[in-house]
Protein backbone atom coordinates (compact mmCIF):
# COMPACT_ATOMS: atom_id res chain seq x y z
CA UNK A 1 -38.44 -24.55 -113.62
CA UNK A 2 -38.96 -27.07 -110.88
CA UNK A 3 -35.32 -28.16 -110.80
CA UNK A 4 -34.28 -24.51 -110.34
CA UNK A 5 -36.65 -23.94 -107.42
CA UNK A 6 -35.50 -27.14 -105.83
CA UNK A 7 -31.88 -26.00 -105.95
CA UNK A 8 -32.80 -22.57 -104.59
CA UNK A 9 -34.62 -24.02 -101.57
CA UNK A 10 -31.70 -26.37 -100.92
CA UNK A 11 -29.20 -23.49 -100.89
CA UNK A 12 -31.36 -21.49 -98.44
CA UNK A 13 -31.70 -24.49 -96.19
CA UNK A 14 -27.92 -25.01 -96.13
CA UNK A 15 -27.08 -21.35 -95.46
CA UNK A 16 -29.44 -21.01 -92.43
CA UNK A 17 -27.26 -22.99 -89.88
CA UNK A 18 -24.14 -21.13 -91.03
CA UNK A 19 -25.76 -17.79 -90.24
CA UNK A 20 -26.81 -18.98 -86.74
CA UNK A 21 -23.28 -20.16 -85.98
CA UNK A 22 -21.79 -16.89 -87.15
CA UNK A 23 -24.15 -14.86 -84.92
CA UNK A 24 -23.29 -16.91 -81.78
CA UNK A 25 -19.55 -16.53 -82.42
CA UNK A 26 -19.90 -12.77 -82.82
CA UNK A 27 -21.76 -12.42 -79.49
CA UNK A 28 -19.04 -14.39 -77.65
CA UNK A 29 -16.34 -12.17 -79.14
CA UNK A 30 -18.23 -9.02 -78.16
CA UNK A 31 -18.60 -10.23 -74.57
CA UNK A 32 -14.87 -10.97 -74.33
CA UNK A 33 -14.00 -7.54 -75.68
CA UNK A 34 -16.31 -5.83 -73.20
CA UNK A 35 -14.65 -7.69 -70.33
CA UNK A 36 -11.22 -6.56 -71.52
CA UNK A 37 -12.42 -2.99 -71.79
CA UNK A 38 -13.71 -3.09 -68.20
CA UNK A 39 -10.39 -4.50 -67.01
CA UNK A 40 -8.46 -1.77 -68.85
CA UNK A 41 -10.67 0.90 -67.33
CA UNK A 42 -10.10 -0.45 -63.82
CA UNK A 43 -6.33 -0.56 -64.40
CA UNK A 44 -6.41 2.98 -65.75
CA UNK A 45 -8.32 4.24 -62.70
CA UNK A 46 -5.82 2.52 -60.38
CA UNK A 47 -2.90 4.10 -62.27
CA UNK A 48 -4.50 7.53 -62.10
CA UNK A 49 -5.01 7.20 -58.33
CA UNK A 50 -1.42 6.06 -57.84
CA UNK A 51 -0.17 8.95 -59.97
CA UNK A 52 -2.07 11.44 -57.81
CA UNK A 53 -0.56 9.98 -54.62
CA UNK A 54 2.94 10.21 -56.10
CA UNK A 55 2.36 13.83 -57.12
CA UNK A 56 1.14 14.74 -53.61
CA UNK A 57 4.12 12.99 -52.00
CA UNK A 58 6.50 14.77 -54.36
CA UNK A 59 4.90 18.13 -53.57
CA UNK A 60 5.29 17.53 -49.80
CA UNK A 61 8.96 16.60 -50.23
CA UNK A 62 9.66 19.72 -52.26
CA UNK A 63 7.87 21.91 -49.73
CA UNK A 64 10.08 20.54 -46.92
CA UNK A 65 13.39 20.93 -48.76
CA UNK A 66 12.88 24.18 -50.67
CA UNK A 67 13.01 27.43 -48.69
CA UNK A 68 9.80 29.49 -48.65
CA UNK A 69 9.24 31.71 -51.67
CA UNK A 70 9.27 35.55 -51.39
CA UNK A 71 6.13 37.40 -50.57
CA UNK A 72 5.55 38.60 -54.17
CA UNK A 73 3.12 36.44 -56.09
CA UNK A 74 4.79 34.67 -59.06
CA UNK A 75 3.57 35.23 -62.58
CA UNK A 76 1.74 32.21 -63.89
CA UNK A 77 3.01 30.85 -67.19
CA UNK A 78 0.84 29.60 -69.95
CA UNK A 79 1.96 26.01 -69.36
CA UNK A 80 1.34 26.14 -65.59
CA UNK A 81 -1.34 23.91 -64.20
CA UNK A 82 -4.45 25.62 -62.85
CA UNK A 83 -4.73 25.72 -59.07
CA UNK A 84 -7.26 23.50 -57.43
CA UNK A 85 -10.39 25.02 -56.03
CA UNK A 86 -10.13 25.87 -52.34
CA UNK A 87 -12.03 23.76 -49.88
CA UNK A 88 -14.28 24.96 -47.09
CA UNK A 89 -11.31 25.26 -44.74
CA UNK A 90 -9.56 27.70 -47.09
CA UNK A 91 -6.68 25.41 -48.17
CA UNK A 92 -6.51 24.14 -51.74
CA UNK A 93 -7.46 20.53 -52.28
CA UNK A 94 -4.76 18.12 -53.36
CA UNK A 95 -1.91 20.50 -52.37
CA UNK A 96 0.68 20.05 -49.65
CA UNK A 97 -0.07 21.80 -46.31
CA UNK A 98 1.80 24.95 -45.45
CA UNK A 99 5.15 24.41 -43.74
CA UNK A 100 5.03 24.66 -39.97
CA UNK A 101 7.38 27.05 -38.24
CA UNK A 102 9.86 25.30 -35.95
CA UNK A 103 10.70 27.24 -32.82
CA UNK A 104 13.77 26.15 -30.86
CA UNK A 105 14.15 27.22 -27.29
CA UNK A 106 17.72 27.92 -26.29
CA UNK A 107 18.72 27.69 -22.63
CA UNK A 108 20.03 30.75 -20.94
CA UNK A 109 23.79 30.98 -20.70
CA UNK A 110 23.62 32.74 -17.35
CA UNK A 111 24.51 30.40 -14.45
CA UNK A 112 22.07 29.78 -11.64
CA UNK A 113 22.46 32.00 -8.58
CA UNK A 114 24.59 30.52 -5.84
CA UNK A 115 23.08 29.70 -2.50
CA UNK A 116 25.11 30.61 0.51
CA UNK A 117 25.64 27.35 2.42
CA UNK A 118 28.34 28.58 4.74
CA UNK A 119 27.39 28.38 8.42
CA UNK A 120 29.23 30.33 11.00
CA UNK A 121 30.69 28.17 13.78
CA UNK A 122 30.52 29.65 17.23
CA UNK A 123 32.47 28.17 20.08
CA UNK A 124 30.49 27.84 23.34
CA UNK A 125 31.45 29.86 26.35
CA UNK A 126 33.47 28.36 29.14
CA UNK A 127 30.54 28.66 31.54
CA UNK A 128 28.32 26.72 29.17
CA UNK A 129 30.92 24.00 28.72
CA UNK A 130 31.04 23.44 32.46
CA UNK A 131 27.30 22.68 32.45
CA UNK A 132 27.82 19.68 30.15
CA UNK A 133 30.87 18.27 31.93
CA UNK A 134 30.03 15.67 34.58
CA UNK A 135 31.32 16.74 38.01
CA UNK A 136 34.11 14.94 39.77
CA UNK A 137 33.09 12.53 42.52
CA UNK A 138 32.57 14.41 45.73
CA UNK A 139 31.88 17.78 44.04
CA UNK A 140 28.57 19.61 44.24
CA UNK A 141 28.26 20.38 40.51
CA UNK A 142 25.41 19.09 38.33
CA UNK A 143 26.15 16.56 35.61
CA UNK A 144 24.47 16.02 32.28
CA UNK A 145 20.93 14.74 31.96
CA UNK A 146 22.10 11.43 30.58
CA UNK A 147 24.51 10.91 33.46
CA UNK A 148 21.80 11.67 36.00
CA UNK A 149 19.43 9.22 34.36
CA UNK A 150 22.05 6.48 34.36
CA UNK A 151 22.82 7.08 38.00
CA UNK A 152 19.11 7.02 38.95
CA UNK A 153 18.41 3.67 37.28
CA UNK A 154 19.29 0.76 39.56
CA UNK A 155 21.66 -1.85 38.13
CA UNK A 156 20.07 -5.06 36.91
CA UNK A 157 20.42 -7.97 39.30
CA UNK A 158 21.47 -11.45 38.39
CA UNK A 159 18.37 -13.66 37.72
CA UNK A 160 19.83 -16.40 39.91
CA UNK A 161 20.20 -13.97 42.80
CA UNK A 162 16.59 -12.82 42.36
CA UNK A 163 15.31 -16.39 42.31
CA UNK A 164 17.25 -17.16 45.48
CA UNK A 165 15.80 -14.05 47.15
CA UNK A 166 12.27 -15.12 46.24
CA UNK A 167 12.76 -18.66 47.54
CA UNK A 168 14.23 -17.32 50.78
CA UNK A 169 11.17 -15.06 51.32
CA UNK A 170 8.75 -17.97 50.75
CA UNK A 171 10.79 -20.11 53.14
CA UNK A 172 10.42 -17.39 55.77
CA UNK A 173 6.62 -17.78 55.55
CA UNK A 174 6.85 -21.55 55.90
CA UNK A 175 9.18 -21.44 58.89
CA UNK A 176 7.01 -19.01 60.87
CA UNK A 177 8.68 -15.69 60.10
CA UNK A 178 5.47 -14.42 58.50
CA UNK A 179 6.10 -10.72 59.01
CA UNK A 180 9.61 -10.92 57.55
CA UNK A 181 8.35 -13.01 54.63
CA UNK A 182 5.52 -10.56 53.84
CA UNK A 183 7.89 -7.60 53.94
CA UNK A 184 10.48 -9.33 51.74
CA UNK A 185 7.92 -10.51 49.17
CA UNK A 186 6.30 -7.06 48.96
CA UNK A 187 9.69 -5.43 48.44
CA UNK A 188 10.62 -8.08 45.84
CA UNK A 189 7.48 -7.35 43.78
CA UNK A 190 8.04 -3.59 43.99
CA UNK A 191 11.72 -3.71 42.99
CA UNK A 192 11.28 -6.36 40.27
CA UNK A 193 7.86 -5.80 38.66
CA UNK A 194 8.89 -7.58 35.44
CA UNK A 195 10.20 -10.69 37.11
CA UNK A 196 8.29 -13.88 36.19
CA UNK A 197 7.52 -14.49 39.88
CA UNK A 198 6.44 -10.97 40.79
CA UNK A 199 2.73 -11.91 40.72
CA UNK A 200 3.41 -14.99 42.87
CA UNK A 201 5.28 -12.79 45.35
CA UNK A 202 2.19 -10.62 45.74
CA UNK A 203 -0.03 -13.67 46.14
CA UNK A 204 2.06 -15.21 48.94
CA UNK A 205 2.41 -11.81 50.55
CA UNK A 206 -1.40 -11.55 50.68
CA UNK A 207 -1.62 -15.05 52.18
CA UNK A 208 0.84 -13.98 54.89
CA UNK A 209 -1.26 -10.93 55.68
CA UNK A 210 -4.33 -13.13 56.00
CA UNK A 211 -2.34 -15.31 58.39
CA UNK A 212 -1.53 -12.20 60.41
CA UNK A 213 -5.28 -11.48 60.63
CA UNK A 214 -5.00 -8.41 58.40
CA UNK A 215 -7.80 -8.88 55.83
CA UNK A 216 -7.76 -5.20 54.85
CA UNK A 217 -4.06 -5.24 53.93
CA UNK A 218 -4.46 -8.62 52.24
CA UNK A 219 -7.37 -7.30 50.16
CA UNK A 220 -5.24 -4.39 48.94
CA UNK A 221 -2.42 -6.79 48.02
CA UNK A 222 -4.76 -9.08 46.07
CA UNK A 223 -6.34 -6.08 44.29
CA UNK A 224 -2.85 -4.98 43.26
CA UNK A 225 -2.13 -8.47 41.98
CA UNK A 226 -5.31 -8.61 39.84
CA UNK A 227 -4.81 -5.09 38.45
CA UNK A 228 -1.08 -5.35 37.71
CA UNK A 229 -0.93 -8.92 36.38
CA UNK A 230 -4.34 -9.72 34.82
CA UNK A 231 -2.81 -12.48 32.67
CA UNK A 232 -0.66 -14.03 35.40
CA UNK A 233 -1.05 -17.58 36.68
CA UNK A 234 -1.93 -16.36 40.19
CA UNK A 235 -4.95 -14.26 39.17
CA UNK A 236 -7.60 -16.97 39.68
CA UNK A 237 -6.43 -17.90 43.17
CA UNK A 238 -5.94 -14.21 43.95
CA UNK A 239 -9.59 -13.48 43.09
CA UNK A 240 -10.73 -16.35 45.35
CA UNK A 241 -8.60 -15.03 48.23
CA UNK A 242 -9.86 -11.49 47.64
CA UNK A 243 -13.46 -12.74 47.85
CA UNK A 244 -12.54 -14.51 51.10
CA UNK A 245 -11.20 -11.23 52.46
CA UNK A 246 -14.49 -9.55 51.50
CA UNK A 247 -16.36 -12.20 53.47
CA UNK A 248 -14.18 -11.60 56.53
CA UNK A 249 -14.83 -7.86 56.19
CA UNK A 250 -18.61 -8.52 56.02
CA UNK A 251 -18.77 -7.42 52.38
CA UNK A 252 -20.89 -10.27 51.09
CA UNK A 253 -22.14 -8.42 48.01
CA UNK A 254 -18.59 -7.79 46.79
CA UNK A 255 -17.61 -11.38 47.59
CA UNK A 256 -20.57 -12.75 45.64
CA UNK A 257 -19.65 -10.53 42.66
CA UNK A 258 -16.06 -11.81 42.75
CA UNK A 259 -17.15 -15.47 42.85
CA UNK A 260 -19.52 -14.87 39.95
CA UNK A 261 -16.73 -13.22 37.98
CA UNK A 262 -14.47 -16.23 38.50
CA UNK A 263 -17.21 -18.60 37.31
CA UNK A 264 -17.96 -16.58 34.15
CA UNK A 265 -14.39 -15.58 33.32
CA UNK A 266 -12.70 -18.94 33.96
CA UNK A 267 -15.31 -21.64 33.27
CA UNK A 268 -14.28 -25.29 33.64
CA UNK A 269 -11.32 -24.52 35.92
CA UNK A 270 -10.70 -25.63 39.49
CA UNK A 271 -11.05 -22.02 40.62
CA UNK A 272 -14.49 -21.82 38.99
CA UNK A 273 -15.58 -24.99 40.82
CA UNK A 274 -14.47 -23.58 44.17
CA UNK A 275 -16.20 -20.29 43.39
CA UNK A 276 -19.49 -22.09 42.65
CA UNK A 277 -19.28 -23.99 45.93
CA UNK A 278 -18.49 -20.89 47.98
CA UNK A 279 -21.17 -18.91 46.12
CA UNK A 280 -23.75 -21.53 47.09
CA UNK A 281 -22.55 -21.42 50.71
CA UNK A 282 -23.07 -17.68 50.98
CA UNK A 283 -26.40 -16.72 52.47
CA UNK A 284 -28.59 -14.71 50.07
């Protein structure tokens, strides 16, 4: 009896590890199978989604190529697929949208109205033509406006001739012909206001008038110089001479104002220094 029990316990002890090994192998196999099933389900879902997209694309293509069906509703066959439930917007889900109507605008064949561009040409009268024809020399007729303007404008003089005329007028002052020099210089400045020496002509003309004991006329000449050529090189000396004329005319207030203007407007110059000295010499 003992030997039999001993063999029985030995067999149970040997079969226990085999059962544990078999159980572990079965669990591994089950896990692998479950993973494959999940993979197959994912592939199936992807294929179903792709199939739906292909069906929708095919339905859109057929709707574009096939002409619209008649107004009568077709009879549904037993094998036809049931229509999808309409959505909130009223169109069935998963179906192609209704075909849009294409409207083509054709241009009108009628030509645009013509615009009359013809202008009637009228010849002027003989009397009117005579008004625009310049008269012959010696006649009393009136010429055109352009001709009259050209005749009114004096011809431009040669710059060398003008320079010689200016030098001759200054020489007249130096040689004692003061009246002739003043008259020539005044006329030179009036006839040639844009000449580079026009301001100098007025300055020397004022000096000549001071030499002729005419401070009133000299003051007017210097005022013209300062007003007409404020940026000229003779302005500073002209202001000093004008202040001197004011002193001779017993206009000390105006003279003091002119000297002060020279000092403030041209500081650091020789004219400003002379103005300060003469300003100090004036009695308050």
